[in-house]
N, C-alpha and C. Protein backbone atom coordinates (compact mmCIF):
# COMPACT_ATOMS: atom_id res chain seq x y z
N MET A 1 1.27 11.18 9.02
CA MET A 1 1.19 9.79 8.64
C MET A 1 1.67 9.67 7.19
N THR A 2 2.55 8.74 6.97
CA THR A 2 3.12 8.54 5.63
C THR A 2 2.11 7.88 4.70
N THR A 3 2.01 8.44 3.52
CA THR A 3 1.19 7.85 2.48
C THR A 3 2.13 7.31 1.42
N ARG A 4 1.87 6.08 0.99
CA ARG A 4 2.69 5.46 -0.05
C ARG A 4 1.81 5.08 -1.23
N ILE A 5 2.40 5.10 -2.41
CA ILE A 5 1.68 4.67 -3.60
C ILE A 5 2.55 3.68 -4.37
N LEU A 6 1.99 2.50 -4.63
CA LEU A 6 2.64 1.55 -5.53
C LEU A 6 2.30 2.04 -6.92
N HIS A 7 3.30 2.55 -7.60
CA HIS A 7 3.09 3.37 -8.79
C HIS A 7 3.78 2.79 -10.02
N ASN A 8 3.07 2.90 -11.14
CA ASN A 8 3.64 2.57 -12.44
C ASN A 8 3.45 3.82 -13.29
N PRO A 9 4.52 4.56 -13.58
CA PRO A 9 4.38 5.81 -14.32
C PRO A 9 3.83 5.64 -15.74
N ARG A 10 3.83 4.42 -16.25
CA ARG A 10 3.29 4.18 -17.60
C ARG A 10 1.78 3.97 -17.58
N CYS A 11 1.20 3.87 -16.40
CA CYS A 11 -0.24 3.61 -16.25
C CYS A 11 -0.98 4.93 -16.03
N SER A 12 -1.99 5.18 -16.86
CA SER A 12 -2.73 6.44 -16.75
C SER A 12 -3.47 6.55 -15.41
N LYS A 13 -4.03 5.46 -14.91
CA LYS A 13 -4.72 5.50 -13.61
C LYS A 13 -3.74 5.79 -12.49
N SER A 14 -2.55 5.24 -12.58
CA SER A 14 -1.53 5.48 -11.58
C SER A 14 -1.10 6.95 -11.59
N ARG A 15 -0.89 7.49 -12.77
CA ARG A 15 -0.52 8.91 -12.89
C ARG A 15 -1.64 9.80 -12.37
N ALA A 16 -2.88 9.47 -12.69
CA ALA A 16 -4.03 10.27 -12.24
C ALA A 16 -4.18 10.21 -10.73
N THR A 17 -3.95 9.05 -10.15
CA THR A 17 -4.06 8.90 -8.70
C THR A 17 -2.96 9.71 -8.00
N LEU A 18 -1.75 9.66 -8.52
CA LEU A 18 -0.66 10.45 -7.96
C LEU A 18 -1.00 11.95 -8.04
N ALA A 19 -1.53 12.39 -9.16
CA ALA A 19 -1.90 13.80 -9.31
C ALA A 19 -3.01 14.17 -8.32
N LEU A 20 -3.97 13.29 -8.11
CA LEU A 20 -5.06 13.53 -7.17
C LEU A 20 -4.53 13.67 -5.74
N LEU A 21 -3.60 12.80 -5.36
CA LEU A 21 -3.01 12.91 -4.03
C LEU A 21 -2.34 14.27 -3.86
N ARG A 22 -1.59 14.67 -4.86
CA ARG A 22 -0.89 15.96 -4.79
C ARG A 22 -1.88 17.13 -4.74
N GLU A 23 -2.99 17.02 -5.48
CA GLU A 23 -4.03 18.06 -5.43
C GLU A 23 -4.60 18.20 -4.03
N HIS A 24 -4.56 17.14 -3.25
CA HIS A 24 -5.07 17.15 -1.88
C HIS A 24 -3.96 17.43 -0.87
N GLY A 25 -2.84 17.91 -1.35
CA GLY A 25 -1.75 18.30 -0.45
C GLY A 25 -0.94 17.14 0.10
N ILE A 26 -1.01 16.01 -0.54
CA ILE A 26 -0.28 14.83 -0.06
C ILE A 26 0.83 14.51 -1.05
N GLU A 27 2.05 14.50 -0.55
CA GLU A 27 3.20 14.09 -1.37
C GLU A 27 3.59 12.70 -0.90
N PRO A 28 3.11 11.67 -1.60
CA PRO A 28 3.34 10.31 -1.12
C PRO A 28 4.75 9.82 -1.39
N GLN A 29 5.12 8.80 -0.66
CA GLN A 29 6.34 8.06 -0.98
C GLN A 29 5.98 7.21 -2.20
N ILE A 30 6.70 7.41 -3.28
CA ILE A 30 6.41 6.70 -4.52
C ILE A 30 7.24 5.42 -4.56
N ILE A 31 6.55 4.31 -4.70
CA ILE A 31 7.20 3.01 -4.76
C ILE A 31 7.04 2.47 -6.18
N PRO A 32 8.13 2.46 -6.96
CA PRO A 32 8.05 1.90 -8.31
C PRO A 32 8.01 0.38 -8.24
N TYR A 33 6.81 -0.15 -7.99
CA TYR A 33 6.68 -1.55 -7.61
C TYR A 33 7.12 -2.54 -8.69
N LEU A 34 7.21 -2.10 -9.94
CA LEU A 34 7.71 -3.02 -10.96
C LEU A 34 9.20 -3.25 -10.79
N ASP A 35 9.91 -2.25 -10.27
CA ASP A 35 11.35 -2.36 -10.02
C ASP A 35 11.65 -2.93 -8.64
N THR A 36 10.83 -2.59 -7.67
CA THR A 36 11.02 -3.06 -6.29
C THR A 36 9.69 -3.62 -5.78
N PRO A 37 9.34 -4.83 -6.21
CA PRO A 37 8.05 -5.39 -5.82
C PRO A 37 7.97 -5.66 -4.32
N PRO A 38 6.77 -5.51 -3.76
CA PRO A 38 6.60 -5.85 -2.36
C PRO A 38 6.88 -7.33 -2.13
N ASP A 39 7.45 -7.64 -0.98
CA ASP A 39 7.72 -9.05 -0.69
C ASP A 39 6.41 -9.74 -0.27
N ALA A 40 6.49 -11.02 -0.05
CA ALA A 40 5.29 -11.81 0.24
C ALA A 40 4.58 -11.31 1.49
N ALA A 41 5.33 -10.97 2.53
CA ALA A 41 4.71 -10.50 3.77
C ALA A 41 3.97 -9.18 3.55
N GLU A 42 4.59 -8.27 2.80
CA GLU A 42 3.94 -6.99 2.54
C GLU A 42 2.70 -7.18 1.65
N LEU A 43 2.81 -8.04 0.65
CA LEU A 43 1.63 -8.32 -0.19
C LEU A 43 0.49 -8.89 0.64
N SER A 44 0.81 -9.76 1.58
CA SER A 44 -0.22 -10.33 2.44
C SER A 44 -0.88 -9.24 3.28
N CYS A 45 -0.09 -8.31 3.80
CA CYS A 45 -0.63 -7.19 4.58
C CYS A 45 -1.50 -6.28 3.71
N ILE A 46 -1.05 -6.02 2.48
CA ILE A 46 -1.83 -5.20 1.55
C ILE A 46 -3.16 -5.87 1.26
N LEU A 47 -3.14 -7.15 1.00
CA LEU A 47 -4.38 -7.89 0.74
C LEU A 47 -5.32 -7.79 1.94
N ASP A 48 -4.78 -7.95 3.14
CA ASP A 48 -5.60 -7.86 4.35
C ASP A 48 -6.21 -6.46 4.48
N ALA A 49 -5.39 -5.43 4.23
CA ALA A 49 -5.87 -4.05 4.34
C ALA A 49 -6.96 -3.76 3.31
N LEU A 50 -6.83 -4.36 2.14
CA LEU A 50 -7.83 -4.17 1.09
C LEU A 50 -9.06 -5.06 1.29
N GLY A 51 -8.91 -6.10 2.11
CA GLY A 51 -10.00 -7.07 2.29
C GLY A 51 -10.22 -7.92 1.05
N LEU A 52 -9.10 -8.22 0.36
CA LEU A 52 -9.18 -8.98 -0.88
C LEU A 52 -8.41 -10.28 -0.79
N GLU A 53 -8.77 -11.20 -1.67
CA GLU A 53 -8.00 -12.42 -1.86
C GLU A 53 -7.02 -12.15 -3.01
N PRO A 54 -5.95 -12.94 -3.10
CA PRO A 54 -4.92 -12.66 -4.11
C PRO A 54 -5.43 -12.47 -5.53
N ARG A 55 -6.30 -13.33 -6.01
CA ARG A 55 -6.78 -13.18 -7.40
C ARG A 55 -7.52 -11.87 -7.61
N GLU A 56 -8.13 -11.33 -6.56
CA GLU A 56 -8.86 -10.07 -6.68
C GLU A 56 -7.90 -8.89 -6.86
N LEU A 57 -6.65 -9.08 -6.53
CA LEU A 57 -5.63 -8.04 -6.68
C LEU A 57 -4.82 -8.24 -7.96
N MET A 58 -5.08 -9.33 -8.63
CA MET A 58 -4.31 -9.66 -9.83
C MET A 58 -4.98 -9.15 -11.09
N ARG A 59 -4.13 -8.81 -12.05
CA ARG A 59 -4.59 -8.44 -13.39
C ARG A 59 -4.80 -9.75 -14.16
N THR A 60 -5.98 -10.30 -14.01
CA THR A 60 -6.25 -11.63 -14.56
C THR A 60 -6.29 -11.64 -16.08
N GLY A 61 -6.42 -10.49 -16.70
CA GLY A 61 -6.41 -10.42 -18.15
C GLY A 61 -5.02 -10.30 -18.75
N ASP A 62 -4.01 -10.18 -17.90
CA ASP A 62 -2.63 -10.05 -18.38
C ASP A 62 -2.15 -11.40 -18.94
N THR A 63 -1.35 -11.35 -19.99
CA THR A 63 -0.86 -12.59 -20.60
C THR A 63 -0.04 -13.42 -19.62
N VAL A 64 0.67 -12.76 -18.71
CA VAL A 64 1.49 -13.50 -17.73
C VAL A 64 0.59 -14.38 -16.86
N TYR A 65 -0.59 -13.87 -16.50
CA TYR A 65 -1.53 -14.64 -15.68
C TYR A 65 -1.87 -15.96 -16.38
N ALA A 66 -2.18 -15.89 -17.67
CA ALA A 66 -2.53 -17.09 -18.43
C ALA A 66 -1.31 -17.99 -18.62
N GLU A 67 -0.18 -17.38 -18.96
CA GLU A 67 1.04 -18.16 -19.21
C GLU A 67 1.46 -18.97 -17.99
N LEU A 68 1.25 -18.41 -16.80
CA LEU A 68 1.64 -19.09 -15.56
C LEU A 68 0.56 -20.04 -15.04
N GLY A 69 -0.58 -20.07 -15.70
CA GLY A 69 -1.66 -20.95 -15.26
C GLY A 69 -2.23 -20.57 -13.91
N LEU A 70 -2.29 -19.27 -13.63
CA LEU A 70 -2.73 -18.81 -12.31
C LEU A 70 -4.23 -18.92 -12.08
N ASP A 71 -4.96 -19.33 -13.10
CA ASP A 71 -6.39 -19.56 -12.92
C ASP A 71 -6.67 -20.94 -12.31
N ASP A 72 -5.63 -21.70 -12.05
CA ASP A 72 -5.76 -23.03 -11.45
C ASP A 72 -6.32 -22.88 -10.02
N PRO A 73 -7.53 -23.40 -9.76
CA PRO A 73 -8.14 -23.23 -8.44
C PRO A 73 -7.39 -23.93 -7.31
N SER A 74 -6.48 -24.83 -7.64
CA SER A 74 -5.76 -25.53 -6.58
C SER A 74 -4.59 -24.71 -6.02
N LEU A 75 -4.27 -23.59 -6.66
CA LEU A 75 -3.16 -22.76 -6.16
C LEU A 75 -3.55 -22.11 -4.84
N THR A 76 -2.61 -22.12 -3.90
CA THR A 76 -2.86 -21.57 -2.58
C THR A 76 -2.65 -20.05 -2.56
N ARG A 77 -3.10 -19.44 -1.50
CA ARG A 77 -2.87 -18.00 -1.29
C ARG A 77 -1.38 -17.70 -1.38
N ASP A 78 -0.57 -18.49 -0.70
CA ASP A 78 0.88 -18.26 -0.71
C ASP A 78 1.48 -18.38 -2.11
N GLN A 79 0.99 -19.34 -2.88
CA GLN A 79 1.50 -19.50 -4.25
C GLN A 79 1.12 -18.31 -5.13
N LEU A 80 -0.08 -17.80 -4.96
CA LEU A 80 -0.52 -16.65 -5.74
C LEU A 80 0.25 -15.40 -5.34
N ILE A 81 0.48 -15.24 -4.05
CA ILE A 81 1.27 -14.10 -3.56
C ILE A 81 2.69 -14.19 -4.10
N ALA A 82 3.26 -15.38 -4.09
CA ALA A 82 4.61 -15.57 -4.63
C ALA A 82 4.66 -15.20 -6.11
N ALA A 83 3.61 -15.53 -6.85
CA ALA A 83 3.56 -15.18 -8.27
C ALA A 83 3.52 -13.67 -8.45
N MET A 84 2.78 -12.96 -7.60
CA MET A 84 2.73 -11.49 -7.69
C MET A 84 4.07 -10.87 -7.37
N HIS A 85 4.76 -11.45 -6.40
CA HIS A 85 6.09 -10.94 -6.06
C HIS A 85 7.06 -11.17 -7.22
N ALA A 86 7.03 -12.35 -7.79
CA ALA A 86 7.94 -12.69 -8.89
C ALA A 86 7.58 -11.96 -10.18
N HIS A 87 6.31 -11.64 -10.36
CA HIS A 87 5.83 -10.99 -11.59
C HIS A 87 4.93 -9.81 -11.19
N PRO A 88 5.52 -8.71 -10.71
CA PRO A 88 4.72 -7.61 -10.18
C PRO A 88 3.79 -6.96 -11.21
N ILE A 89 4.00 -7.23 -12.49
CA ILE A 89 3.09 -6.71 -13.51
C ILE A 89 1.68 -7.24 -13.28
N LEU A 90 1.55 -8.34 -12.53
CA LEU A 90 0.24 -8.93 -12.23
C LEU A 90 -0.56 -8.13 -11.22
N ILE A 91 0.08 -7.24 -10.46
CA ILE A 91 -0.58 -6.52 -9.38
C ILE A 91 -1.40 -5.36 -9.94
N GLN A 92 -2.67 -5.28 -9.52
CA GLN A 92 -3.50 -4.14 -9.89
C GLN A 92 -2.81 -2.87 -9.42
N ARG A 93 -3.01 -1.79 -10.14
CA ARG A 93 -2.37 -0.54 -9.77
C ARG A 93 -3.33 0.60 -10.03
N PRO A 94 -3.05 1.69 -9.37
CA PRO A 94 -2.11 1.89 -8.27
C PRO A 94 -2.74 1.48 -6.95
N ILE A 95 -1.91 1.24 -5.98
CA ILE A 95 -2.38 0.96 -4.62
C ILE A 95 -1.83 2.06 -3.73
N VAL A 96 -2.73 2.69 -2.97
CA VAL A 96 -2.33 3.73 -2.03
C VAL A 96 -2.46 3.15 -0.63
N LEU A 97 -1.43 3.36 0.16
CA LEU A 97 -1.38 2.85 1.52
C LEU A 97 -1.19 4.01 2.49
N GLN A 98 -1.98 4.01 3.55
CA GLN A 98 -1.81 5.01 4.60
C GLN A 98 -2.15 4.32 5.91
N GLY A 99 -1.13 4.21 6.76
CA GLY A 99 -1.33 3.47 8.00
C GLY A 99 -1.68 2.03 7.70
N LYS A 100 -2.75 1.55 8.31
CA LYS A 100 -3.19 0.17 8.07
C LYS A 100 -4.29 0.10 7.03
N ARG A 101 -4.49 1.21 6.32
CA ARG A 101 -5.54 1.25 5.30
C ARG A 101 -4.92 1.23 3.92
N ALA A 102 -5.70 0.74 2.97
CA ALA A 102 -5.23 0.66 1.59
C ALA A 102 -6.43 0.79 0.65
N ALA A 103 -6.16 1.29 -0.55
CA ALA A 103 -7.19 1.40 -1.58
C ALA A 103 -6.53 1.30 -2.94
N ILE A 104 -7.27 0.75 -3.88
CA ILE A 104 -6.81 0.68 -5.27
C ILE A 104 -7.39 1.89 -5.99
N GLY A 105 -6.56 2.60 -6.72
CA GLY A 105 -6.97 3.81 -7.42
C GLY A 105 -7.68 3.54 -8.73
N ARG A 106 -8.72 2.76 -8.70
CA ARG A 106 -9.54 2.48 -9.88
C ARG A 106 -11.00 2.63 -9.48
N PRO A 107 -11.58 3.78 -9.66
CA PRO A 107 -11.03 5.00 -10.22
C PRO A 107 -10.13 5.70 -9.20
N PRO A 108 -9.35 6.68 -9.65
CA PRO A 108 -8.43 7.36 -8.73
C PRO A 108 -9.11 7.90 -7.47
N GLU A 109 -10.33 8.38 -7.59
CA GLU A 109 -11.04 8.96 -6.45
C GLU A 109 -11.30 7.95 -5.33
N ALA A 110 -11.20 6.67 -5.64
CA ALA A 110 -11.43 5.63 -4.63
C ALA A 110 -10.44 5.74 -3.47
N VAL A 111 -9.28 6.31 -3.71
CA VAL A 111 -8.27 6.39 -2.63
C VAL A 111 -8.60 7.46 -1.61
N LEU A 112 -9.48 8.40 -1.95
CA LEU A 112 -9.79 9.49 -1.03
C LEU A 112 -10.45 8.99 0.25
N THR A 113 -11.10 7.85 0.19
CA THR A 113 -11.81 7.32 1.36
C THR A 113 -10.87 6.91 2.49
N ILE A 114 -9.61 6.64 2.18
CA ILE A 114 -8.69 6.17 3.23
C ILE A 114 -7.75 7.25 3.72
N LEU A 115 -7.77 8.41 3.10
CA LEU A 115 -6.76 9.42 3.39
C LEU A 115 -7.12 10.30 4.57
N GLN A 116 -6.10 10.56 5.37
CA GLN A 116 -6.20 11.57 6.42
C GLN A 116 -5.27 12.69 5.98
N THR A 117 -5.85 13.83 5.67
CA THR A 117 -5.05 14.95 5.23
C THR A 117 -4.79 15.89 6.39
N ARG A 118 -3.85 16.77 6.19
CA ARG A 118 -3.50 17.75 7.22
C ARG A 118 -4.24 19.06 6.98
N ALA A 119 -5.50 19.00 6.67
CA ALA A 119 -6.28 20.19 6.34
C ALA A 119 -6.60 21.01 7.56
C-alpha cells in the first residue's frame, strides 16, 4: 500500500515525520505540496479522511489566513478549500496518507496509528 506525505522540507515536524516513517521501513511518496498543492477534490478527501472541517486543517495563525479574511464565518467549505489550494502555505503539515486513512504529523508519532507496515 502506497504511503504519501504532504511534505515541506523547511518544517521541522515534516522532516521528523518523514524520518519516523523511514525508521519504520516506509519510504513514502513525497509530495512537495507547496509546489504542487492538492486540488479541491483531493483536499476534500483528505479532510474526510481526517474527520476535519477546513478551518481545522488550516494554519489559522498564518498571516495569509488573516490577510484573506478566512475567519469570516460566512465562508463555505468550498471557499475555504479553494483558499487552501490557492495558498497551500495555509495547510497544516505534514499530512500522511495511506489508503483511505490520513493523519497530521503533529506530533510526528501521530501518523503511526494509520500505518500498515510490512513487518
